[in-house]
Protein backbone atom coordinates (compact mmCIF):
# COMPACT_ATOMS: atom_id res chain seq x y z
CA UNK A 1 121.42 182.07 93.04
CA UNK A 2 121.46 184.94 90.58
CA UNK A 3 120.97 184.12 86.91
CA UNK A 4 122.81 186.71 84.81
CA UNK A 5 120.45 188.02 82.09
CA UNK A 6 121.45 187.88 78.40
CA UNK A 7 121.38 191.69 78.29
CA UNK A 8 124.09 191.84 81.00
CA UNK A 9 126.42 189.11 79.74
CA UNK A 10 126.27 188.91 75.97
CA UNK A 11 127.25 185.53 74.46
CA UNK A 12 127.64 185.00 70.73
CA UNK A 13 125.92 182.16 68.86
CA UNK A 14 129.15 180.15 68.87
CA UNK A 15 129.34 180.28 72.68
CA UNK A 16 132.01 182.98 72.79
CA UNK A 17 131.85 186.09 74.94
CA UNK A 18 130.61 189.15 73.05
CA UNK A 19 133.64 191.43 72.56
CA UNK A 20 136.59 189.09 72.92
CA UNK A 21 135.08 186.24 70.84
CA UNK A 22 136.65 183.70 73.20
CA UNK A 23 135.10 180.58 74.72
CA UNK A 24 136.07 179.53 78.25
CA UNK A 25 138.35 176.75 76.98
CA UNK A 26 140.29 179.29 74.87
CA UNK A 27 141.65 181.14 77.90
CA UNK A 28 144.79 180.25 79.84
CA UNK A 29 145.05 180.98 83.55
CA UNK A 30 148.01 183.33 82.89
CA UNK A 31 147.23 186.27 80.62
CA UNK A 32 149.51 188.93 79.15
CA UNK A 33 147.72 192.18 78.28
CA UNK A 34 149.09 194.56 75.65
CA UNK A 35 147.49 197.68 74.25
CA UNK A 36 148.50 197.41 70.61
CA UNK A 37 146.99 194.50 68.60
CA UNK A 38 150.26 194.34 66.65
CA UNK A 39 152.18 193.62 69.85
CA UNK A 40 150.31 190.35 70.34
CA UNK A 41 152.40 188.79 67.57
CA UNK A 42 155.61 190.00 69.25
CA UNK A 43 154.69 188.10 72.40
CA UNK A 44 153.35 185.02 70.62
CA UNK A 45 156.53 184.78 68.54
CA UNK A 46 158.07 183.26 71.67
CA UNK A 47 155.36 180.58 72.00
CA UNK A 48 156.26 176.98 71.22
CA UNK A 49 152.69 176.11 70.23
CA UNK A 50 149.47 177.98 69.39
CA UNK A 51 146.01 176.52 69.79
CA UNK A 52 143.79 179.59 69.43
CA UNK A 53 143.93 182.89 67.54
CA UNK A 54 140.99 185.25 67.12
CA UNK A 55 140.48 188.95 66.40
CA UNK A 56 137.50 191.21 66.90
CA UNK A 57 137.76 195.00 66.77
CA UNK A 58 140.87 195.98 68.76
CA UNK A 59 140.87 192.68 70.67
CA UNK A 60 143.40 190.24 69.19
CA UNK A 61 144.10 187.05 71.16
CA UNK A 62 146.55 184.19 70.83
CA UNK A 63 146.64 181.27 73.28
CA UNK A 64 149.47 178.77 73.26
CA UNK A 65 152.36 177.43 75.28
CA UNK A 66 155.78 178.80 76.17
CA UNK A 67 158.29 176.42 77.76
CA UNK A 68 155.41 174.11 78.62
CA UNK A 69 153.23 176.77 80.27
CA UNK A 70 149.88 177.69 78.72
CA UNK A 71 149.55 181.44 78.17
CA UNK A 72 147.13 183.85 76.58
CA UNK A 73 148.16 187.21 75.13
CA UNK A 74 145.41 189.68 74.31
CA UNK A 75 145.31 193.29 73.11
CA UNK A 76 143.06 195.63 75.05
CA UNK A 77 143.21 198.76 72.95
CA UNK A 78 143.66 202.11 74.70
CA UNK A 79 142.06 203.33 77.92
CA UNK A 80 140.31 202.02 81.02
CA UNK A 81 136.97 201.98 79.19
CA UNK A 82 138.42 199.08 77.19
CA UNK A 83 139.92 197.60 80.34
CA UNK A 84 136.42 197.51 81.84
CA UNK A 85 135.36 195.29 78.92
CA UNK A 86 138.43 193.07 78.86
CA UNK A 87 138.63 192.46 82.61
CA UNK A 88 134.91 191.74 82.93
CA UNK A 89 134.87 189.32 80.01
CA UNK A 90 138.05 187.54 81.08
CA UNK A 91 136.57 187.03 84.53
CA UNK A 92 133.33 185.78 82.96
CA UNK A 93 135.25 183.25 80.88
CA UNK A 94 136.96 181.99 84.03
CA UNK A 95 134.11 182.11 86.51
CA UNK A 96 130.69 182.03 84.78
CA UNK A 97 128.87 179.00 83.38
CA UNK A 98 127.67 180.36 80.04
CA UNK A 99 124.87 177.77 79.78
CA UNK A 100 123.28 178.29 83.19
CA UNK A 101 124.49 181.91 83.53
CA UNK A 102 125.46 181.18 87.12
CA UNK A 103 128.71 182.00 88.90
CA UNK A 104 130.84 178.92 89.52
CA UNK A 105 130.85 177.68 93.13
CA UNK A 106 134.66 177.64 93.09
CA UNK A 107 136.25 180.74 91.60
CA UNK A 108 139.35 180.65 89.42
CA UNK A 109 142.14 183.14 90.06
CA UNK A 110 143.77 184.50 86.92
CA UNK A 111 147.25 186.00 86.70
CA UNK A 112 147.22 189.13 84.52
CA UNK A 113 150.27 191.15 83.51
CA UNK A 114 150.08 194.25 81.34
CA UNK A 115 153.11 195.04 79.19
CA UNK A 116 152.85 198.62 77.99
CA UNK A 117 154.54 201.88 77.15
CA UNK A 118 154.47 205.09 79.13
CA UNK A 119 155.86 208.55 79.60
CA UNK A 120 158.52 209.05 82.25
CA UNK A 121 157.86 211.82 84.77
CA UNK A 122 161.19 211.95 86.61
CA UNK A 123 164.45 213.14 85.03
CA UNK A 124 166.49 210.17 86.31
CA UNK A 125 164.26 207.63 84.50
CA UNK A 126 165.58 207.58 80.92
CA UNK A 127 163.93 206.15 77.84
CA UNK A 128 164.07 202.36 78.02
CA UNK A 129 163.50 202.17 81.80
CA UNK A 130 161.13 199.41 82.90
CA UNK A 131 158.68 200.54 85.57
CA UNK A 132 156.52 198.17 87.62
CA UNK A 133 153.38 199.97 88.76
CA UNK A 134 153.38 199.02 92.42
CA UNK A 135 150.59 201.56 92.89
CA UNK A 136 148.39 203.11 90.22
CA UNK A 137 146.46 206.34 90.63
CA UNK A 138 143.44 206.35 88.35
CA UNK A 139 142.38 209.75 87.05
CA UNK A 140 139.64 208.15 84.94
CA UNK A 141 136.99 207.41 87.59
CA UNK A 142 136.30 203.81 86.44
CA UNK A 143 136.47 202.13 89.85
CA UNK A 144 134.09 204.68 91.34
CA UNK A 145 131.24 202.99 89.44
CA UNK A 146 131.80 199.68 91.26
CA UNK A 147 130.72 198.48 94.68
CA UNK A 148 133.80 197.22 96.48
CA UNK A 149 136.01 200.04 95.25
CA UNK A 150 136.61 201.28 98.79
CA UNK A 151 137.85 197.89 100.00
CA UNK A 152 140.76 197.75 97.52
CA UNK A 153 141.92 201.39 97.45
CA UNK A 154 144.37 203.41 99.53
CA UNK A 155 142.19 206.17 100.94
CA UNK A 156 145.03 208.02 102.62
CA UNK A 157 146.98 208.28 99.37
CA UNK A 158 143.84 209.44 97.56
CA UNK A 159 143.15 212.14 100.16
CA UNK A 160 146.70 213.45 100.12
CA UNK A 161 146.86 213.39 96.31
CA UNK A 162 143.69 215.48 96.07
CA UNK A 163 144.93 217.94 98.68
CA UNK A 164 148.50 218.34 97.45
CA UNK A 165 147.66 218.64 93.76
CA UNK A 166 144.75 221.05 94.31
CA UNK A 167 142.49 218.60 92.47
CA UNK A 168 139.51 220.23 90.75
CA UNK A 169 136.29 218.60 91.99
CA UNK A 170 134.83 218.88 88.48
CA UNK A 171 137.22 216.08 87.51
CA UNK A 172 136.69 212.41 88.34
CA UNK A 173 137.69 211.49 91.89
CA UNK A 174 141.15 209.86 91.80
CA UNK A 175 141.57 206.35 93.17
CA UNK A 176 144.79 204.63 94.28
CA UNK A 177 145.21 200.87 94.10
CA UNK A 178 148.15 198.49 94.51
CA UNK A 179 149.26 195.75 92.15
CA UNK A 180 149.41 192.18 93.36
CA UNK A 181 152.29 191.85 95.82
CA UNK A 182 153.46 188.47 94.51
CA UNK A 183 153.81 189.83 90.99
CA UNK A 184 155.62 192.90 92.28
CA UNK A 185 158.09 190.70 94.15
CA UNK A 186 158.58 188.57 91.03
CA UNK A 187 159.82 191.57 89.02
CA UNK A 188 161.16 193.97 91.65
CA UNK A 189 164.84 193.20 90.99
CA UNK A 190 164.52 193.86 87.25
CA UNK A 191 162.31 196.95 87.23
CA UNK A 192 161.93 200.34 88.88
CA UNK A 193 159.16 200.56 91.46
CA UNK A 194 156.57 203.10 90.44
CA UNK A 195 153.53 205.12 91.33
CA UNK A 196 151.86 205.24 87.93
CA UNK A 197 149.19 207.66 86.76
CA UNK A 198 146.42 206.30 84.56
CA UNK A 199 144.96 209.21 82.62
CA UNK A 200 141.62 209.24 80.73
CA UNK A 201 143.26 210.67 77.62
CA UNK A 202 146.59 211.19 75.91
CA UNK A 203 146.70 214.96 75.50
CA UNK A 204 145.28 217.44 78.07
CA UNK A 205 144.68 214.70 80.68
CA UNK A 206 148.44 214.07 80.55
CA UNK A 207 149.35 217.76 80.50
CA UNK A 208 149.99 217.96 76.74
CA UNK A 209 149.09 221.11 74.86
CA UNK A 210 148.62 221.00 71.08
CA UNK A 211 145.85 223.46 70.13
CA UNK A 212 143.42 222.97 73.01
CA UNK A 213 144.96 224.38 76.17
CA UNK A 214 144.61 222.30 79.36
CA UNK A 215 142.22 223.83 81.88
CA UNK A 216 145.01 223.87 84.48
CA UNK A 217 148.41 224.19 82.82
CA UNK A 218 150.27 223.67 86.10
CA UNK A 219 148.38 220.55 87.26
CA UNK A 220 150.88 218.07 85.87
CA UNK A 221 153.79 219.86 87.53
CA UNK A 222 152.00 219.53 90.87
CA UNK A 223 151.31 215.86 90.16
CA UNK A 224 154.96 215.17 89.33
CA UNK A 225 155.94 216.77 92.67
CA UNK A 226 153.57 214.54 94.66
CA UNK A 227 155.19 212.00 96.98
CA UNK A 228 153.71 209.45 99.34
CA UNK A 229 155.74 207.84 102.14
CA UNK A 230 158.93 208.63 100.27
CA UNK A 231 157.63 207.25 96.98
CA UNK A 232 157.20 209.41 93.90
CA UNK A 233 155.08 209.48 90.76
CA UNK A 234 157.22 207.83 88.08
CA UNK A 235 155.23 207.52 84.87
CA UNK A 236 151.92 208.06 83.12
CA UNK A 237 149.87 205.75 80.90
CA UNK A 238 146.17 204.88 80.45
CA UNK A 239 145.35 201.38 81.70
CA UNK A 240 147.15 200.18 84.84
CA UNK A 241 144.66 201.52 87.41
CA UNK A 242 141.69 199.75 85.85
CA UNK A 243 143.57 196.46 85.63
CA UNK A 244 144.85 196.57 89.21
CA UNK A 245 141.55 197.76 90.65
CA UNK A 246 139.20 195.38 88.86
CA UNK A 247 141.54 192.44 89.45
CA UNK A 248 141.67 193.21 93.18
CA UNK A 249 137.87 193.39 93.40
CA UNK A 250 137.47 190.14 91.43
CA UNK A 251 140.15 188.21 93.33
CA UNK A 252 142.68 187.95 90.49
CA UNK A 253 146.33 188.93 90.71
CA UNK A 254 147.47 191.64 88.32
CA UNK A 255 150.30 194.03 87.64
CA UNK A 256 151.66 196.38 85.00
CA UNK A 257 155.16 196.79 83.58
CA UNK A 258 155.74 199.72 81.24
CA UNK A 259 158.71 200.74 79.14
CA UNK A 260 159.35 204.48 79.20
CA UNK A 261 159.38 205.69 75.57
CA UNK A 262 158.95 209.42 76.21
CA UNK A 263 160.78 211.56 78.76
CA UNK A 264 158.28 214.23 79.72
CA UNK A 265 160.67 216.33 81.82
CA UNK A 266 163.21 216.68 78.99
CA UNK A 267 160.57 216.68 76.20
CA UNK A 268 162.28 213.76 74.45
CA UNK A 269 160.75 210.66 72.85
CA UNK A 270 161.91 207.60 70.94
CA UNK A 271 159.61 206.09 68.32
CA UNK A 272 162.10 203.29 67.58
CA UNK A 273 161.41 201.50 70.84
CA UNK A 274 160.92 197.93 69.56
CA UNK A 275 164.19 196.65 71.16
CA UNK A 276 163.02 197.90 74.57
CA UNK A 277 159.65 196.17 74.11
CA UNK A 278 161.35 192.94 73.08
CA UNK A 279 163.48 193.03 76.24
CA UNK A 280 160.36 193.58 78.36
CA UNK A 281 158.56 190.68 76.69
CA UNK A 282 161.48 188.29 77.22
CA UNK A 283 161.74 189.27 80.88
CA UNK A 284 158.00 188.84 81.45
CA UNK A 285 157.86 185.43 79.80
CA UNK A 286 160.93 184.22 81.68
CA UNK A 287 159.32 185.10 85.02
CA UNK A 288 155.75 184.04 84.21
CA UNK A 289 156.66 180.55 83.07
CA UNK A 290 158.21 179.99 86.48
CA UNK A 291 154.95 180.62 88.34
């Protein structure tokens, strides 16, 4: 049995995991992930009770109950580099004995749902649309560092995406991974099904041009035109691929719902999107407490 060295899994003096500052008993089996630390309070405002609140860096966590169900809401910050930290440490809290540094004989399956914002890539998806990322295409390369990546990804979609977009081999190899089917079915009647891009940045990686010109100014147009088995690319954000991919490899169920707050095809955005976020939160909590 492998003993995980202290240099690989860092545990603070109080028994909490290094970045999240959570102990195993602080984590619920159902976890809502948000990017913005300020959005944690929006979710927790619907809790009936709170038994844990902790902040460290961009990671703000509240655990409590909503309609009798124990939930955790945690902010991840931006990008799949942060998702790598959050997903690994959440899994460690659920499935590692911090004293012996051994993996539990019986593994716990977490339910993880990201509630985020994104840019819409199709003209018929207006601001305020809720998109469930049935499939995420990661442009960041995170999953390519992990053994087991090939077992959870759609290789045919990856191959066709590379071919049809004229993907530059100097960029990270794209990976395509599905969300958990049960979570998709839970929300499918209230959201738009999506193929979501997870980009490794907000500006050039998403086709934006401020002062630094993208290396390929037409790449995003080719991406928007990509279809797979009649499905189209709907939106772009920065986290869903890492969540879906790492969860699939670890045996957790995970999905992402995003509110469209910018319409990339019409060059419109709405910075007063709090009512849309509140609607998304209420919908998510209503469904999750029923699981």
